[in-house]
Amino acid sequence: YFPSRNQSAVFNAVAEIVLRGGQATVVSESRQGKSHPDRYDQMRLSERTRYLQLGTAKGVLRGLMPYVVPFSRQGRKAYQGVWKMLTSGKLSHSSLRSFIKAAVQSPVLVESRFDLIHSHYLVGASEFLLAARALDVPLMTTFHGLPVKETGQAIDQSKVEELFNLGSLFLVNTEFAKGQLLEMGCPEGKIRILPQGLRLEDFPFHAKPYPAQGPVVVLT
Protein backbone atom coordinates (compact mmCIF):
# COMPACT_ATOMS: atom_id res chain seq x y z
CA TYR A 1 0.00 0.00 0.00
CA PHE A 2 1.03 3.62 -0.52
CA PRO A 3 0.50 5.62 1.50
CA SER A 4 0.16 3.14 4.35
CA ARG A 5 -0.48 3.69 8.03
CA ASN A 6 1.78 0.83 9.13
CA GLN A 7 4.62 0.93 6.57
CA SER A 8 6.42 4.13 7.50
CA ALA A 9 9.76 2.83 6.19
CA VAL A 10 8.42 2.85 2.63
CA PHE A 11 7.07 6.39 2.94
CA ASN A 12 10.27 7.66 4.59
CA ALA A 13 12.41 6.20 1.79
CA VAL A 14 10.38 8.02 -0.88
CA ALA A 15 10.26 11.23 1.14
CA GLU A 16 14.05 11.30 1.58
CA ILE A 17 14.59 10.93 -2.16
CA VAL A 18 12.33 13.92 -2.82
CA LEU A 19 13.79 16.02 0.01
CA ARG A 20 17.29 15.47 -1.36
CA GLY A 21 16.34 16.71 -4.82
CA GLY A 22 15.62 13.36 -6.46
CA GLN A 23 12.62 12.37 -8.53
CA ALA A 24 10.52 9.34 -7.67
CA THR A 25 7.50 7.65 -9.21
CA VAL A 26 5.71 5.31 -6.81
CA VAL A 27 3.94 2.18 -8.06
CA SER A 28 1.54 0.58 -5.59
CA GLU A 29 -1.39 -1.84 -5.60
CA SER A 30 -3.62 0.55 -3.65
CA ARG A 31 -3.67 3.03 -0.81
CA GLN A 32 -4.55 2.15 2.79
CA GLY A 33 -7.22 4.23 4.44
CA LYS A 34 -7.75 7.96 4.16
CA SER A 35 -5.17 9.15 6.69
CA HIS A 36 -1.56 9.76 5.69
CA PRO A 37 1.46 11.82 6.81
CA ASP A 38 1.23 15.59 6.27
CA ARG A 39 4.31 15.45 4.06
CA TYR A 40 2.38 13.29 1.59
CA ASP A 41 0.37 16.36 0.59
CA GLN A 42 3.25 18.81 1.01
CA MET A 43 5.41 16.83 -1.43
CA ARG A 44 2.45 16.28 -3.76
CA LEU A 45 3.20 12.57 -3.73
CA SER A 46 -0.31 11.75 -4.98
CA GLU A 47 0.82 13.16 -8.34
CA ARG A 48 3.82 10.80 -8.30
CA THR A 49 1.87 7.63 -7.44
CA ARG A 50 0.56 5.10 -9.96
CA TYR A 51 -1.72 2.25 -8.90
CA LEU A 52 -1.29 -1.08 -10.67
CA GLN A 53 -3.01 -4.22 -9.40
CA LEU A 54 -0.79 -7.06 -10.55
CA GLY A 55 -1.91 -9.57 -7.94
CA THR A 56 -5.32 -10.43 -9.41
CA ALA A 57 -6.57 -11.36 -12.88
CA LYS A 58 -9.13 -8.55 -12.69
CA GLY A 59 -6.43 -6.02 -11.89
CA VAL A 60 -4.21 -7.22 -14.74
CA LEU A 61 -7.11 -7.00 -17.22
CA ARG A 62 -7.85 -3.47 -16.03
CA GLY A 63 -4.20 -2.61 -16.53
CA LEU A 64 -4.35 -3.80 -20.14
CA MET A 65 -7.18 -1.41 -21.04
CA PRO A 66 -4.85 1.29 -22.49
CA TYR A 67 -4.06 -1.09 -25.36
CA VAL A 68 -7.72 -0.97 -26.40
CA VAL A 69 -7.44 2.79 -27.03
CA PRO A 70 -4.04 3.09 -28.78
CA PHE A 71 -4.44 6.77 -29.71
CA SER A 72 -5.06 7.93 -26.15
CA ARG A 73 -2.18 9.30 -24.07
CA GLN A 74 -2.01 6.14 -21.95
CA GLY A 75 -2.41 3.95 -25.01
CA ARG A 76 0.57 5.55 -26.75
CA LYS A 77 2.70 5.09 -23.64
CA ALA A 78 1.63 1.46 -23.37
CA TYR A 79 2.63 0.63 -26.93
CA GLN A 80 5.88 2.59 -26.60
CA GLY A 81 6.77 0.56 -23.53
CA VAL A 82 5.92 -2.78 -25.12
CA TRP A 83 7.91 -1.92 -28.23
CA LYS A 84 10.89 -1.03 -26.06
CA MET A 85 10.67 -4.39 -24.32
CA LEU A 86 10.20 -6.34 -27.55
CA THR A 87 13.29 -4.77 -29.09
CA SER A 88 15.43 -5.17 -25.95
CA GLY A 89 16.37 -8.77 -26.69
CA LYS A 90 15.66 -9.72 -23.04
CA LEU A 91 12.39 -11.60 -23.52
CA SER A 92 13.65 -14.89 -24.96
CA HIS A 93 13.27 -16.88 -21.72
CA SER A 94 10.29 -15.01 -20.26
CA SER A 95 6.92 -16.59 -19.60
CA LEU A 96 3.72 -15.25 -21.13
CA ARG A 97 2.50 -14.35 -17.65
CA SER A 98 5.59 -12.27 -16.96
CA PHE A 99 5.29 -10.49 -20.30
CA ILE A 100 1.61 -9.64 -19.71
CA LYS A 101 2.41 -8.13 -16.32
CA ALA A 102 5.30 -6.19 -17.86
CA ALA A 103 2.86 -4.90 -20.48
CA VAL A 104 0.65 -3.56 -17.67
CA GLN A 105 3.68 -1.77 -16.20
CA SER A 106 4.93 -0.33 -19.49
CA PRO A 107 2.91 2.95 -19.52
CA VAL A 108 4.51 3.90 -16.20
CA LEU A 109 8.00 2.81 -17.18
CA VAL A 110 8.20 5.10 -20.21
CA GLU A 111 6.97 8.23 -18.41
CA SER A 112 10.58 9.26 -17.93
CA ARG A 113 14.11 7.87 -18.01
CA PHE A 114 14.51 5.96 -14.77
CA ASP A 115 17.96 5.38 -13.30
CA LEU A 116 16.80 2.73 -10.85
CA ILE A 117 13.84 0.50 -10.02
CA HIS A 118 13.51 -0.04 -6.27
CA SER A 119 11.18 -2.58 -4.67
CA HIS A 120 10.47 -2.95 -0.97
CA TYR A 121 9.54 -6.62 -1.14
CA LEU A 122 10.73 -9.75 -2.94
CA VAL A 123 7.31 -10.31 -4.54
CA GLY A 124 7.24 -6.81 -6.02
CA ALA A 125 10.83 -7.08 -7.19
CA SER A 126 10.04 -10.32 -9.00
CA GLU A 127 7.10 -8.63 -10.74
CA PHE A 128 9.36 -5.86 -12.09
CA LEU A 129 12.38 -7.99 -12.93
CA LEU A 130 11.51 -8.39 -16.61
CA ALA A 131 10.83 -4.67 -17.04
CA ALA A 132 14.10 -3.75 -15.34
CA ARG A 133 16.05 -6.03 -17.66
CA ALA A 134 14.22 -4.78 -20.76
CA LEU A 135 14.85 -1.14 -19.83
CA ASP A 136 18.45 -1.98 -18.83
CA VAL A 137 18.23 -0.32 -15.41
CA PRO A 138 19.36 -1.75 -12.05
CA LEU A 139 16.76 -3.45 -9.83
CA MET A 140 17.36 -2.87 -6.13
CA THR A 141 15.29 -4.63 -3.48
CA THR A 142 14.87 -3.69 0.18
CA PHE A 143 14.25 -6.85 2.20
CA HIS A 144 12.25 -6.18 5.37
CA GLY A 145 12.38 -9.75 6.62
CA LEU A 146 10.39 -12.90 5.99
CA PRO A 147 6.62 -12.27 5.90
CA VAL A 148 4.28 -13.69 8.53
CA LYS A 149 2.98 -16.98 7.10
CA GLU A 150 -0.65 -16.09 7.77
CA THR A 151 -0.50 -12.71 6.02
CA GLY A 152 2.58 -12.54 3.81
CA GLN A 153 2.55 -13.03 0.06
CA ALA A 154 4.23 -16.24 -1.00
CA ILE A 155 6.79 -16.33 -3.80
CA ASP A 156 7.88 -19.44 -5.69
CA GLN A 157 11.39 -20.67 -5.03
CA SER A 158 12.14 -20.58 -8.76
CA LYS A 159 11.27 -16.87 -8.83
CA VAL A 160 13.40 -16.26 -5.75
CA GLU A 161 16.39 -17.91 -7.43
CA GLU A 162 15.84 -15.90 -10.61
CA LEU A 163 15.60 -12.68 -8.61
CA PHE A 164 18.80 -13.42 -6.67
CA ASN A 165 20.57 -14.24 -9.93
CA LEU A 166 19.43 -11.21 -11.96
CA GLY A 167 18.65 -8.60 -9.28
CA SER A 168 21.32 -5.93 -8.84
CA LEU A 169 21.37 -5.29 -5.08
CA PHE A 170 19.52 -6.27 -1.90
CA LEU A 171 19.31 -3.93 1.09
CA VAL A 172 18.65 -5.02 4.67
CA ASN A 173 18.69 -3.04 7.91
CA THR A 174 20.09 -5.71 10.25
CA GLU A 175 22.52 -8.61 10.36
CA PHE A 176 19.55 -10.84 11.18
CA ALA A 177 17.74 -9.93 7.95
CA LYS A 178 20.99 -10.46 6.07
CA GLY A 179 21.16 -13.95 7.53
CA GLN A 180 17.62 -14.65 6.32
CA LEU A 181 18.56 -13.65 2.78
CA LEU A 182 21.67 -15.81 2.88
CA GLU A 183 19.62 -18.80 4.01
CA MET A 184 17.29 -18.23 1.07
CA GLY A 185 20.25 -18.40 -1.31
CA CYS A 186 21.07 -14.75 -2.01
CA PRO A 187 24.75 -14.17 -2.90
CA GLU A 188 26.46 -12.36 -0.03
CA GLY A 189 28.17 -10.00 -2.46
CA LYS A 190 24.78 -8.56 -3.46
CA ILE A 191 23.68 -7.75 0.10
CA ARG A 192 24.30 -4.40 1.81
CA ILE A 193 23.26 -3.38 5.33
CA LEU A 194 21.60 0.05 5.35
CA PRO A 195 20.18 1.00 8.77
CA GLN A 196 16.78 2.68 8.62
CA GLY A 197 16.30 5.81 10.69
CA LEU A 198 14.04 8.80 11.18
CA ARG A 199 14.51 12.53 10.68
CA LEU A 200 15.05 13.69 14.26
CA GLU A 201 13.68 17.15 13.50
CA ASP A 202 10.29 15.53 12.90
CA PHE A 203 10.27 14.37 16.53
CA PRO A 204 11.55 17.26 18.68
CA PHE A 205 12.19 16.54 22.34
CA HIS A 206 9.66 17.88 24.81
CA ALA A 207 10.42 17.47 28.51
CA LYS A 208 7.62 15.75 30.40
CA PRO A 209 7.21 16.50 34.12
CA TYR A 210 7.44 13.56 36.46
CA PRO A 211 4.15 13.06 38.33
CA ALA A 212 4.35 14.14 41.96
CA GLN A 213 2.22 11.20 43.01
CA GLY A 214 1.12 7.95 41.46
CA PRO A 215 2.80 5.59 39.00
CA VAL A 216 4.33 6.48 35.66
CA VAL A 217 2.14 5.10 32.85
CA VAL A 218 4.05 4.00 29.73
CA LEU A 219 2.51 3.20 26.35
CA THR A 220 4.83 0.99 24.32
C-alpha atoms as a PDB file:
ATOM      1  CA  TYR A   1       0.000   0.000   0.000  1.00  0.00           C
ATOM      2  CA  PHE A   2       1.033   3.616  -0.519  1.00  0.00           C
ATOM      3  CA  PRO A   3       0.503   5.620   1.502  1.00  0.00           C
ATOM      4  CA  SER A   4       0.161   3.135   4.347  1.00  0.00           C
ATOM      5  CA  ARG A   5      -0.477   3.693   8.032  1.00  0.00           C
ATOM      6  CA  ASN A   6       1.781   0.832   9.125  1.00  0.00           C
ATOM      7  CA  GLN A   7       4.619   0.929   6.570  1.00  0.00           C
ATOM      8  CA  SER A   8       6.421   4.129   7.500  1.00  0.00           C
ATOM      9  CA  ALA A   9       9.759   2.831   6.189  1.00  0.00           C
ATOM     10  CA  VAL A  10       8.418   2.850   2.626  1.00  0.00           C
ATOM     11  CA  PHE A  11       7.067   6.388   2.935  1.00  0.00           C
ATOM     12  CA  ASN A  12      10.268   7.660   4.586  1.00  0.00           C
ATOM     13  CA  ALA A  13      12.409   6.198   1.793  1.00  0.00           C
ATOM     14  CA  VAL A  14      10.378   8.015  -0.877  1.00  0.00           C
ATOM     15  CA  ALA A  15      10.261  11.233   1.145  1.00  0.00           C
ATOM     16  CA  GLU A  16      14.049  11.297   1.583  1.00  0.00           C
ATOM     17  CA  ILE A  17      14.585  10.930  -2.160  1.00  0.00           C
ATOM     18  CA  VAL A  18      12.334  13.923  -2.820  1.00  0.00           C
ATOM     19  CA  LEU A  19      13.791  16.025   0.014  1.00  0.00           C
ATOM     20  CA  ARG A  20      17.292  15.469  -1.363  1.00  0.00           C
ATOM     21  CA  GLY A  21      16.338  16.707  -4.817  1.00  0.00           C
ATOM     22  CA  GLY A  22      15.617  13.364  -6.465  1.00  0.00           C
ATOM     23  CA  GLN A  23      12.616  12.368  -8.527  1.00  0.00           C
ATOM     24  CA  ALA A  24      10.517   9.343  -7.669  1.00  0.00           C
ATOM     25  CA  THR A  25       7.502   7.655  -9.209  1.00  0.00           C
ATOM     26  CA  VAL A  26       5.712   5.315  -6.813  1.00  0.00           C
ATOM     27  CA  VAL A  27       3.937   2.179  -8.061  1.00  0.00           C
ATOM     28  CA  SER A  28       1.542   0.584  -5.585  1.00  0.00           C
ATOM     29  CA  GLU A  29      -1.388  -1.837  -5.605  1.00  0.00           C
ATOM     30  CA  SER A  30      -3.621   0.553  -3.653  1.00  0.00           C
ATOM     31  CA  ARG A  31      -3.672   3.031  -0.806  1.00  0.00           C
ATOM     32  CA  GLN A  32      -4.546   2.145   2.787  1.00  0.00           C
ATOM     33  CA  GLY A  33      -7.217   4.228   4.440  1.00  0.00           C
ATOM     34  CA  LYS A  34      -7.752   7.961   4.163  1.00  0.00           C
ATOM     35  CA  SER A  35      -5.170   9.155   6.686  1.00  0.00           C
ATOM     36  CA  HIS A  36      -1.563   9.758   5.695  1.00  0.00           C
ATOM     37  CA  PRO A  37       1.457  11.821   6.812  1.00  0.00           C
ATOM     38  CA  ASP A  38       1.234  15.586   6.272  1.00  0.00           C
ATOM     39  CA  ARG A  39       4.307  15.448   4.059  1.00  0.00           C
ATOM     40  CA  TYR A  40       2.384  13.286   1.589  1.00  0.00           C
ATOM     41  CA  ASP A  41       0.374  16.355   0.585  1.00  0.00           C
ATOM     42  CA  GLN A  42       3.251  18.813   1.014  1.00  0.00           C
ATOM     43  CA  MET A  43       5.406  16.835  -1.431  1.00  0.00           C
ATOM     44  CA  ARG A  44       2.447  16.282  -3.765  1.00  0.00           C
ATOM     45  CA  LEU A  45       3.198  12.567  -3.732  1.00  0.00           C
ATOM     46  CA  SER A  46      -0.313  11.754  -4.978  1.00  0.00           C
ATOM     47  CA  GLU A  47       0.815  13.155  -8.339  1.00  0.00           C
ATOM     48  CA  ARG A  48       3.818  10.801  -8.295  1.00  0.00           C
ATOM     49  CA  THR A  49       1.869   7.629  -7.437  1.00  0.00           C
ATOM     50  CA  ARG A  50       0.559   5.102  -9.964  1.00  0.00           C
ATOM     51  CA  TYR A  51      -1.723   2.254  -8.905  1.00  0.00           C
ATOM     52  CA  LEU A  52      -1.289  -1.083 -10.674  1.00  0.00           C
ATOM     53  CA  GLN A  53      -3.013  -4.215  -9.398  1.00  0.00           C
ATOM     54  CA  LEU A  54      -0.795  -7.055 -10.551  1.00  0.00           C
ATOM     55  CA  GLY A  55      -1.908  -9.566  -7.935  1.00  0.00           C
ATOM     56  CA  THR A  56      -5.316 -10.429  -9.408  1.00  0.00           C
ATOM     57  CA  ALA A  57      -6.566 -11.362 -12.878  1.00  0.00           C
ATOM     58  CA  LYS A  58      -9.133  -8.554 -12.690  1.00  0.00           C
ATOM     59  CA  GLY A  59      -6.429  -6.021 -11.886  1.00  0.00           C
ATOM     60  CA  VAL A  60      -4.211  -7.216 -14.738  1.00  0.00           C
ATOM     61  CA  LEU A  61      -7.111  -7.000 -17.216  1.00  0.00           C
ATOM     62  CA  ARG A  62      -7.848  -3.473 -16.029  1.00  0.00           C
ATOM     63  CA  GLY A  63      -4.198  -2.613 -16.527  1.00  0.00           C
ATOM     64  CA  LEU A  64      -4.346  -3.801 -20.145  1.00  0.00           C
ATOM     65  CA  MET A  65      -7.177  -1.407 -21.042  1.00  0.00           C
ATOM     66  CA  PRO A  66      -4.852   1.293 -22.490  1.00  0.00           C
ATOM     67  CA  TYR A  67      -4.058  -1.093 -25.358  1.00  0.00           C
ATOM     68  CA  VAL A  68      -7.724  -0.971 -26.400  1.00  0.00           C
ATOM     69  CA  VAL A  69      -7.444   2.790 -27.025  1.00  0.00           C
ATOM     70  CA  PRO A  70      -4.045   3.094 -28.776  1.00  0.00           C
ATOM     71  CA  PHE A  71      -4.440   6.765 -29.708  1.00  0.00           C
ATOM     72  CA  SER A  72      -5.059   7.931 -26.154  1.00  0.00           C
ATOM     73  CA  ARG A  73      -2.182   9.296 -24.066  1.00  0.00           C
ATOM     74  CA  GLN A  74      -2.007   6.141 -21.951  1.00  0.00           C
ATOM     75  CA  GLY A  75      -2.408   3.949 -25.012  1.00  0.00           C
ATOM     76  CA  ARG A  76       0.566   5.552 -26.747  1.00  0.00           C
ATOM     77  CA  LYS A  77       2.698   5.091 -23.641  1.00  0.00           C
ATOM     78  CA  ALA A  78       1.634   1.459 -23.368  1.00  0.00           C
ATOM     79  CA  TYR A  79       2.634   0.635 -26.934  1.00  0.00           C
ATOM     80  CA  GLN A  80       5.878   2.587 -26.601  1.00  0.00           C
ATOM     81  CA  GLY A  81       6.768   0.560 -23.528  1.00  0.00           C
ATOM     82  CA  VAL A  82       5.916  -2.783 -25.122  1.00  0.00           C
ATOM     83  CA  TRP A  83       7.913  -1.923 -28.232  1.00  0.00           C
ATOM     84  CA  LYS A  84      10.889  -1.030 -26.060  1.00  0.00           C
ATOM     85  CA  MET A  85      10.667  -4.394 -24.317  1.00  0.00           C
ATOM     86  CA  LEU A  86      10.203  -6.345 -27.552  1.00  0.00           C
ATOM     87  CA  THR A  87      13.291  -4.772 -29.092  1.00  0.00           C
ATOM     88  CA  SER A  88      15.435  -5.168 -25.953  1.00  0.00           C
ATOM     89  CA  GLY A  89      16.374  -8.766 -26.686  1.00  0.00           C
ATOM     90  CA  LYS A  90      15.664  -9.723 -23.042  1.00  0.00           C
ATOM     91  CA  LEU A  91      12.392 -11.602 -23.520  1.00  0.00           C
ATOM     92  CA  SER A  92      13.654 -14.889 -24.957  1.00  0.00           C
ATOM     93  CA  HIS A  93      13.266 -16.881 -21.716  1.00  0.00           C
ATOM     94  CA  SER A  94      10.294 -15.008 -20.257  1.00  0.00           C
ATOM     95  CA  SER A  95       6.921 -16.594 -19.601  1.00  0.00           C
ATOM     96  CA  LEU A  96       3.718 -15.249 -21.125  1.00  0.00           C
ATOM     97  CA  ARG A  97       2.495 -14.349 -17.646  1.00  0.00           C
ATOM     98  CA  SER A  98       5.594 -12.273 -16.963  1.00  0.00           C
ATOM     99  CA  PHE A  99       5.287 -10.494 -20.301  1.00  0.00           C
ATOM    100  CA  ILE A 100       1.612  -9.644 -19.711  1.00  0.00           C
ATOM    101  CA  LYS A 101       2.413  -8.128 -16.325  1.00  0.00           C
ATOM    102  CA  ALA A 102       5.299  -6.188 -17.855  1.00  0.00           C
ATOM    103  CA  ALA A 103       2.858  -4.904 -20.477  1.00  0.00           C
ATOM    104  CA  VAL A 104       0.654  -3.561 -17.667  1.00  0.00           C
ATOM    105  CA  GLN A 105       3.685  -1.766 -16.197  1.00  0.00           C
ATOM    106  CA  SER A 106       4.929  -0.334 -19.494  1.00  0.00           C
ATOM    107  CA  PRO A 107       2.910   2.954 -19.523  1.00  0.00           C
ATOM    108  CA  VAL A 108       4.513   3.904 -16.202  1.00  0.00           C
ATOM    109  CA  LEU A 109       7.997   2.806 -17.184  1.00  0.00           C
ATOM    110  CA  VAL A 110       8.197   5.101 -20.209  1.00  0.00           C
ATOM    111  CA  GLU A 111       6.966   8.227 -18.414  1.00  0.00           C
ATOM    112  CA  SER A 112      10.580   9.265 -17.925  1.00  0.00           C
ATOM    113  CA  ARG A 113      14.109   7.872 -18.014  1.00  0.00           C
ATOM    114  CA  PHE A 114      14.514   5.963 -14.772  1.00  0.00           C
ATOM    115  CA  ASP A 115      17.964   5.382 -13.300  1.00  0.00           C
ATOM    116  CA  LEU A 116      16.805   2.731 -10.851  1.00  0.00           C
ATOM    117  CA  ILE A 117      13.838   0.504 -10.019  1.00  0.00           C
ATOM    118  CA  HIS A 118      13.508  -0.038  -6.269  1.00  0.00           C
ATOM    119  CA  SER A 119      11.178  -2.578  -4.674  1.00  0.00           C
ATOM    120  CA  HIS A 120      10.468  -2.952  -0.972  1.00  0.00           C
ATOM    121  CA  TYR A 121       9.535  -6.623  -1.142  1.00  0.00           C
ATOM    122  CA  LEU A 122      10.728  -9.751  -2.943  1.00  0.00           C
ATOM    123  CA  VAL A 123       7.312 -10.306  -4.536  1.00  0.00           C
ATOM    124  CA  GLY A 124       7.237  -6.814  -6.018  1.00  0.00           C
ATOM    125  CA  ALA A 125      10.833  -7.084  -7.188  1.00  0.00           C
ATOM    126  CA  SER A 126      10.039 -10.321  -9.002  1.00  0.00           C
ATOM    127  CA  GLU A 127       7.096  -8.627 -10.740  1.00  0.00           C
ATOM    128  CA  PHE A 128       9.361  -5.857 -12.093  1.00  0.00           C
ATOM    129  CA  LEU A 129      12.380  -7.987 -12.933  1.00  0.00           C
ATOM    130  CA  LEU A 130      11.510  -8.391 -16.610  1.00  0.00           C
ATOM    131  CA  ALA A 131      10.829  -4.669 -17.044  1.00  0.00           C
ATOM    132  CA  ALA A 132      14.101  -3.752 -15.341  1.00  0.00           C
ATOM    133  CA  ARG A 133      16.048  -6.029 -17.664  1.00  0.00           C
ATOM    134  CA  ALA A 134      14.220  -4.775 -20.759  1.00  0.00           C
ATOM    135  CA  LEU A 135      14.851  -1.137 -19.826  1.00  0.00           C
ATOM    136  CA  ASP A 136      18.447  -1.983 -18.830  1.00  0.00           C
ATOM    137  CA  VAL A 137      18.231  -0.323 -15.411  1.00  0.00           C
ATOM    138  CA  PRO A 138      19.360  -1.754 -12.049  1.00  0.00           C
ATOM    139  CA  LEU A 139      16.755  -3.446  -9.832  1.00  0.00           C
ATOM    140  CA  MET A 140      17.356  -2.869  -6.125  1.00  0.00           C
ATOM    141  CA  THR A 141      15.289  -4.628  -3.475  1.00  0.00           C
ATOM    142  CA  THR A 142      14.873  -3.689   0.177  1.00  0.00           C
ATOM    143  CA  PHE A 143      14.250  -6.848   2.198  1.00  0.00           C
ATOM    144  CA  HIS A 144      12.249  -6.176   5.374  1.00  0.00           C
ATOM    145  CA  GLY A 145      12.377  -9.749   6.624  1.00  0.00           C
ATOM    146  CA  LEU A 146      10.390 -12.904   5.992  1.00  0.00           C
ATOM    147  CA  PRO A 147       6.620 -12.272   5.904  1.00  0.00           C
ATOM    148  CA  VAL A 148       4.278 -13.692   8.529  1.00  0.00           C
ATOM    149  CA  LYS A 149       2.978 -16.977   7.101  1.00  0.00           C
ATOM    150  CA  GLU A 150      -0.651 -16.092   7.775  1.00  0.00           C
ATOM    151  CA  THR A 151      -0.502 -12.714   6.021  1.00  0.00           C
ATOM    152  CA  GLY A 152       2.581 -12.545   3.815  1.00  0.00           C
ATOM    153  CA  GLN A 153       2.547 -13.031   0.065  1.00  0.00           C
ATOM    154  CA  ALA A 154       4.235 -16.239  -1.003  1.00  0.00           C
ATOM    155  CA  ILE A 155       6.791 -16.330  -3.803  1.00  0.00           C
ATOM    156  CA  ASP A 156       7.876 -19.440  -5.693  1.00  0.00           C
ATOM    157  CA  GLN A 157      11.390 -20.671  -5.032  1.00  0.00           C
ATOM    158  CA  SER A 158      12.143 -20.582  -8.758  1.00  0.00           C
ATOM    159  CA  LYS A 159      11.272 -16.869  -8.829  1.00  0.00           C
ATOM    160  CA  VAL A 160      13.403 -16.261  -5.747  1.00  0.00           C
ATOM    161  CA  GLU A 161      16.389 -17.911  -7.426  1.00  0.00           C
ATOM    162  CA  GLU A 162      15.842 -15.901 -10.613  1.00  0.00           C
ATOM    163  CA  LEU A 163      15.605 -12.676  -8.610  1.00  0.00           C
ATOM    164  CA  PHE A 164      18.800 -13.416  -6.674  1.00  0.00           C
ATOM    165  CA  ASN A 165      20.568 -14.236  -9.927  1.00  0.00           C
ATOM    166  CA  LEU A 166      19.433 -11.215 -11.955  1.00  0.00           C
ATOM    167  CA  GLY A 167      18.651  -8.600  -9.278  1.00  0.00           C
ATOM    168  CA  SER A 168      21.321  -5.929  -8.837  1.00  0.00           C
ATOM    169  CA  LEU A 169      21.373  -5.292  -5.083  1.00  0.00           C
ATOM    170  CA  PHE A 170      19.522  -6.273  -1.904  1.00  0.00           C
ATOM    171  CA  LEU A 171      19.313  -3.929   1.094  1.00  0.00           C
ATOM    172  CA  VAL A 172      18.652  -5.020   4.673  1.00  0.00           C
ATOM    173  CA  ASN A 173      18.688  -3.040   7.907  1.00  0.00           C
ATOM    174  CA  THR A 174      20.091  -5.709  10.254  1.00  0.00           C
ATOM    175  CA  GLU A 175      22.520  -8.612  10.361  1.00  0.00           C
ATOM    176  CA  PHE A 176      19.552 -10.844  11.177  1.00  0.00           C
ATOM    177  CA  ALA A 177      17.738  -9.928   7.953  1.00  0.00           C
ATOM    178  CA  LYS A 178      20.994 -10.460   6.069  1.00  0.00           C
ATOM    179  CA  GLY A 179      21.161 -13.948   7.526  1.00  0.00           C
ATOM    180  CA  GLN A 180      17.624 -14.654   6.324  1.00  0.00           C
ATOM    181  CA  LEU A 181      18.558 -13.653   2.783  1.00  0.00           C
ATOM    182  CA  LEU A 182      21.672 -15.807   2.881  1.00  0.00           C
ATOM    183  CA  GLU A 183      19.620 -18.799   4.014  1.00  0.00           C
ATOM    184  CA  MET A 184      17.292 -18.230   1.066  1.00  0.00           C
ATOM    185  CA  GLY A 185      20.253 -18.400  -1.310  1.00  0.00           C
ATOM    186  CA  CYS A 186      21.069 -14.753  -2.010  1.00  0.00           C
ATOM    187  CA  PRO A 187      24.751 -14.172  -2.901  1.00  0.00           C
ATOM    188  CA  GLU A 188      26.460 -12.355  -0.026  1.00  0.00           C
ATOM    189  CA  GLY A 189      28.167 -10.003  -2.464  1.00  0.00           C
ATOM    190  CA  LYS A 190      24.780  -8.561  -3.458  1.00  0.00           C
ATOM    191  CA  ILE A 191      23.680  -7.755   0.105  1.00  0.00           C
ATOM    192  CA  ARG A 192      24.295  -4.403   1.815  1.00  0.00           C
ATOM    193  CA  ILE A 193      23.257  -3.379   5.327  1.00  0.00           C
ATOM    194  CA  LEU A 194      21.598   0.051   5.355  1.00  0.00           C
ATOM    195  CA  PRO A 195      20.179   0.998   8.773  1.00  0.00           C
ATOM    196  CA  GLN A 196      16.780   2.685   8.622  1.00  0.00           C
ATOM    197  CA  GLY A 197      16.304   5.813  10.687  1.00  0.00           C
ATOM    198  CA  LEU A 198      14.043   8.803  11.176  1.00  0.00           C
ATOM    199  CA  ARG A 199      14.507  12.525  10.675  1.00  0.00           C
ATOM    200  CA  LEU A 200      15.047  13.685  14.262  1.00  0.00           C
ATOM    201  CA  GLU A 201      13.676  17.152  13.497  1.00  0.00           C
ATOM    202  CA  ASP A 202      10.295  15.531  12.905  1.00  0.00           C
ATOM    203  CA  PHE A 203      10.271  14.366  16.533  1.00  0.00           C
ATOM    204  CA  PRO A 204      11.549  17.257  18.678  1.00  0.00           C
ATOM    205  CA  PHE A 205      12.193  16.542  22.339  1.00  0.00           C
ATOM    206  CA  HIS A 206       9.657  17.882  24.814  1.00  0.00           C
ATOM    207  CA  ALA A 207      10.424  17.474  28.506  1.00  0.00           C
ATOM    208  CA  LYS A 208       7.624  15.755  30.399  1.00  0.00           C
ATOM    209  CA  PRO A 209       7.213  16.504  34.118  1.00  0.00           C
ATOM    210  CA  TYR A 210       7.444  13.555  36.464  1.00  0.00           C
ATOM    211  CA  PRO A 211       4.148  13.059  38.330  1.00  0.00           C
ATOM    212  CA  ALA A 212       4.346  14.142  41.956  1.00  0.00           C
ATOM    213  CA  GLN A 213       2.225  11.205  43.008  1.00  0.00           C
ATOM    214  CA  GLY A 214       1.123   7.954  41.456  1.00  0.00           C
ATOM    215  CA  PRO A 215       2.804   5.590  38.996  1.00  0.00           C
ATOM    216  CA  VAL A 216       4.334   6.478  35.661  1.00  0.00           C
ATOM    217  CA  VAL A 217       2.141   5.098  32.853  1.00  0.00           C
ATOM    218  CA  VAL A 218       4.048   4.001  29.735  1.00  0.00           C
ATOM    219  CA  LEU A 219       2.511   3.200  26.350  1.00  0.00           C
ATOM    220  CA  THR A 220       4.834   0.987  24.318  1.00  0.00           C
END
